[in-house]
Amino acid sequence: MAVLAEAIEEPAPASLPPLPTVGSPDGRLTLTGTSLTVLGRTFGLRELERAEVQPVRWLLWYLLGGLGLAIVLILFLNNWLRTLPTMAGLLATALMLLYGHRGTNRLRLWLLGREAVHFALPGEAAIWQRLVGELNRRVARAHDQAAAEAAALLAALAAEEEAATWATQAEAEPLAASPAIPDAPA
């Protein structure tokens, strides 16, 4: 029976080669073959569903800059401000607009069966989008590998159950005697 079980058993899925560690230039995000660390918080790749990053502009600074710019210009055009205070006001409100345009990048990690987790990451969005693309590829790879391991385990369990069924049937059936030869005319 052991020979039958060995013949039925499928080969285990081949393990994939380990992936190199990838990280952001400032060290805020580190991605290994099995885990993700963001700002000191570690997540396993199998507990993640996916990730996305979006550039976010700071609306408050846009509003303050635009409103301040409009007020300074109205005051200057009504001759309530002189040239030097107007230039200082225009500079300050233009800096508010630039600061609001700079914004940040919001990293959203979708966790399996739990609420999404958000992180704010400064810098260029292209760098973070490249890292999140690699993260999504590694999450898909981890889930595919887990599915292959589960399928191999289920196949092995099914083979053991089938072998046990064959063994119980073989023990239950007594050896049948030779069938009786009917009386034949001589």
Protein backbone atom coordinates (compact mmCIF):
# COMPACT_ATOMS: atom_id res chain seq x y z
CA MET A 1 0.00 0.00 0.00
CA ALA A 2 2.90 2.35 0.64
CA VAL A 3 3.99 1.91 -2.98
CA LEU A 4 0.50 2.94 -4.11
CA ALA A 5 0.59 6.04 -1.92
CA GLU A 6 4.03 7.00 -3.26
CA ALA A 7 2.83 6.54 -6.83
CA ILE A 8 -0.26 8.71 -6.30
CA GLU A 9 1.53 11.48 -4.39
CA GLU A 10 2.27 14.53 -6.53
CA PRO A 11 5.60 16.33 -6.35
CA ALA A 12 5.76 19.32 -4.03
CA PRO A 13 5.71 22.74 -5.71
CA ALA A 14 9.14 24.09 -6.48
CA SER A 15 10.17 26.87 -4.14
CA LEU A 16 10.87 30.19 -5.76
CA PRO A 17 14.29 31.83 -5.49
CA PRO A 18 14.60 34.44 -2.74
CA LEU A 19 14.03 38.04 -3.73
CA PRO A 20 16.50 40.81 -2.92
CA THR A 21 15.70 43.42 -0.31
CA VAL A 22 14.41 46.67 -1.80
CA GLY A 23 14.14 49.94 0.09
CA SER A 24 13.43 53.61 -0.32
CA PRO A 25 16.37 56.02 -0.50
CA ASP A 26 15.48 57.57 2.88
CA GLY A 27 14.94 54.20 4.62
CA ARG A 28 11.26 54.74 5.43
CA LEU A 29 10.16 51.65 3.47
CA THR A 30 11.97 48.30 3.32
CA LEU A 31 10.67 45.37 1.30
CA THR A 32 12.06 41.85 1.74
CA GLY A 33 10.91 38.55 0.28
CA THR A 34 8.48 37.93 3.15
CA SER A 35 7.79 41.25 4.87
CA LEU A 36 7.27 44.98 4.46
CA THR A 37 8.48 47.56 6.97
CA VAL A 38 7.05 51.08 6.77
CA LEU A 39 8.20 53.70 9.29
CA GLY A 40 9.19 50.97 11.77
CA ARG A 41 5.95 48.98 11.46
CA THR A 42 6.31 45.49 9.93
CA PHE A 43 3.70 43.61 7.89
CA GLY A 44 3.90 40.10 6.44
CA LEU A 45 3.30 39.91 2.69
CA ARG A 46 0.65 37.23 3.18
CA GLU A 47 -1.41 39.54 5.42
CA LEU A 48 -1.49 42.26 2.74
CA GLU A 49 -4.05 42.31 -0.03
CA ARG A 50 -2.55 45.14 -2.07
CA ALA A 51 -1.08 48.61 -1.73
CA GLU A 52 -1.51 51.92 -3.49
CA VAL A 53 0.14 55.31 -3.32
CA GLN A 54 -1.43 58.64 -4.27
CA PRO A 55 0.08 62.09 -4.33
CA VAL A 56 -1.95 64.34 -2.03
CA ARG A 57 -1.90 68.11 -2.19
CA TRP A 58 -2.48 70.12 0.94
CA LEU A 59 -5.71 71.92 0.24
CA LEU A 60 -5.49 74.15 3.30
CA TRP A 61 -2.26 75.73 2.06
CA TYR A 62 -3.75 76.15 -1.41
CA LEU A 63 -6.73 77.93 0.09
CA LEU A 64 -4.64 80.11 2.41
CA GLY A 65 -2.23 81.01 -0.41
CA GLY A 66 -4.94 81.80 -2.94
CA LEU A 67 -7.08 83.74 -0.49
CA GLY A 68 -4.06 85.64 0.83
CA LEU A 69 -2.94 86.44 -2.72
CA ALA A 70 -6.39 87.79 -3.59
CA ILE A 71 -6.58 89.91 -0.41
CA VAL A 72 -3.10 91.41 -0.90
CA LEU A 73 -3.83 92.28 -4.52
CA ILE A 74 -7.21 93.84 -3.67
CA LEU A 75 -5.62 95.90 -0.89
CA PHE A 76 -2.85 97.05 -3.24
CA LEU A 77 -5.24 97.96 -6.04
CA ASN A 78 -7.36 100.02 -3.61
CA ASN A 79 -4.21 101.88 -2.55
CA TRP A 80 -4.45 100.60 1.03
CA LEU A 81 -0.98 99.02 0.84
CA ARG A 82 2.28 100.43 -0.37
CA THR A 83 4.62 98.60 -2.73
CA LEU A 84 7.02 97.04 -0.22
CA PRO A 85 4.33 95.51 2.07
CA THR A 86 2.52 94.30 -1.07
CA MET A 87 5.63 92.54 -2.34
CA ALA A 88 6.14 90.91 1.07
CA GLY A 89 2.51 89.77 1.11
CA LEU A 90 2.73 88.40 -2.44
CA LEU A 91 5.92 86.52 -1.54
CA ALA A 92 4.36 85.02 1.60
CA THR A 93 1.18 83.92 -0.17
CA ALA A 94 3.14 82.53 -3.14
CA LEU A 95 5.21 80.45 -0.69
CA MET A 96 1.96 79.16 0.83
CA LEU A 97 0.78 78.11 -2.63
CA LEU A 98 4.08 76.34 -3.34
CA TYR A 99 4.01 74.59 0.02
CA GLY A 100 0.48 73.36 -0.67
CA HIS A 101 1.48 72.17 -4.12
CA ARG A 102 4.37 70.16 -2.68
CA GLY A 103 2.04 67.99 -0.64
CA THR A 104 2.86 64.42 0.31
CA ASN A 105 2.27 60.86 -0.84
CA ARG A 106 -0.34 58.73 0.88
CA LEU A 107 0.49 55.02 1.08
CA ARG A 108 -2.57 52.85 1.68
CA LEU A 109 -2.04 49.20 2.64
CA TRP A 110 -5.08 46.98 2.22
CA LEU A 111 -4.92 44.25 4.91
CA LEU A 112 -6.81 40.99 4.58
CA GLY A 113 -9.94 41.10 6.72
CA ARG A 114 -8.96 44.34 8.45
CA GLU A 115 -9.19 48.06 7.92
CA ALA A 116 -6.70 49.72 5.57
CA VAL A 117 -3.60 51.36 7.06
CA HIS A 118 -2.36 54.77 5.85
CA PHE A 119 1.12 56.31 5.89
CA ALA A 120 2.36 59.72 4.71
CA LEU A 121 5.59 59.54 2.73
CA PRO A 122 7.40 62.66 1.49
CA GLY A 123 9.29 62.99 -1.77
CA GLU A 124 8.69 62.29 -5.44
CA ALA A 125 5.63 60.18 -6.24
CA ALA A 126 7.44 58.24 -8.99
CA ILE A 127 9.84 56.62 -6.50
CA TRP A 128 7.00 55.50 -4.25
CA GLN A 129 4.91 54.26 -7.19
CA ARG A 130 7.82 52.09 -8.37
CA LEU A 131 8.24 50.62 -4.87
CA VAL A 132 4.50 50.00 -4.49
CA GLY A 133 4.43 48.27 -7.89
CA GLU A 134 7.18 45.93 -6.68
CA LEU A 135 5.31 45.44 -3.40
CA ASN A 136 2.13 44.43 -5.26
CA ARG A 137 4.11 41.95 -7.40
CA ARG A 138 5.64 40.40 -4.28
CA VAL A 139 2.27 40.22 -2.50
CA ALA A 140 0.78 38.40 -5.51
CA ARG A 141 3.79 36.05 -5.58
CA ALA A 142 3.41 35.30 -1.84
CA HIS A 143 -0.30 34.54 -2.26
CA ASP A 144 0.37 32.34 -5.31
CA GLN A 145 3.04 30.43 -3.40
CA ALA A 146 0.70 29.95 -0.43
CA ALA A 147 -2.03 28.68 -2.78
CA ALA A 148 0.40 26.22 -4.39
CA GLU A 149 1.48 24.94 -0.97
CA ALA A 150 -2.15 24.51 0.09
CA ALA A 151 -3.00 22.68 -3.15
CA ALA A 152 -0.03 20.32 -2.68
CA LEU A 153 -1.09 19.65 0.91
CA LEU A 154 -4.69 18.94 -0.15
CA ALA A 155 -3.48 16.61 -2.90
CA ALA A 156 -1.31 14.72 -0.40
CA LEU A 157 -4.25 14.42 2.02
CA ALA A 158 -6.51 13.16 -0.77
CA ALA A 159 -3.89 10.59 -1.77
CA GLU A 160 -3.60 9.37 1.84
CA GLU A 161 -7.38 9.08 2.13
CA GLU A 162 -7.56 7.13 -1.12
CA ALA A 163 -4.79 4.80 -0.01
CA ALA A 164 -6.56 4.25 3.32
CA THR A 165 -9.81 3.50 1.46
CA TRP A 166 -8.05 0.91 -0.73
CA ALA A 167 -6.48 -0.68 2.35
CA THR A 168 -9.80 -0.99 4.20
CA GLN A 169 -11.51 -2.44 1.12
CA ALA A 170 -8.73 -4.99 0.68
CA GLU A 171 -9.01 -6.08 4.32
CA ALA A 172 -12.81 -6.23 4.23
CA GLU A 173 -13.09 -8.44 1.15
CA PRO A 174 -12.10 -12.04 1.89
CA LEU A 175 -10.27 -13.87 -0.80
CA ALA A 176 -12.88 -15.29 -3.07
CA ALA A 177 -12.71 -19.05 -3.64
CA SER A 178 -12.61 -20.40 -7.14
CA PRO A 179 -16.06 -20.37 -8.62
CA ALA A 180 -17.74 -23.71 -8.60
CA ILE A 181 -17.78 -25.49 -11.89
CA PRO A 182 -21.30 -26.40 -12.80
CA ASP A 183 -22.06 -30.03 -13.44
CA ALA A 184 -21.24 -30.67 -16.99
CA PRO A 185 -22.47 -33.67 -18.91
CA ALA A 186 -19.78 -36.23 -19.40
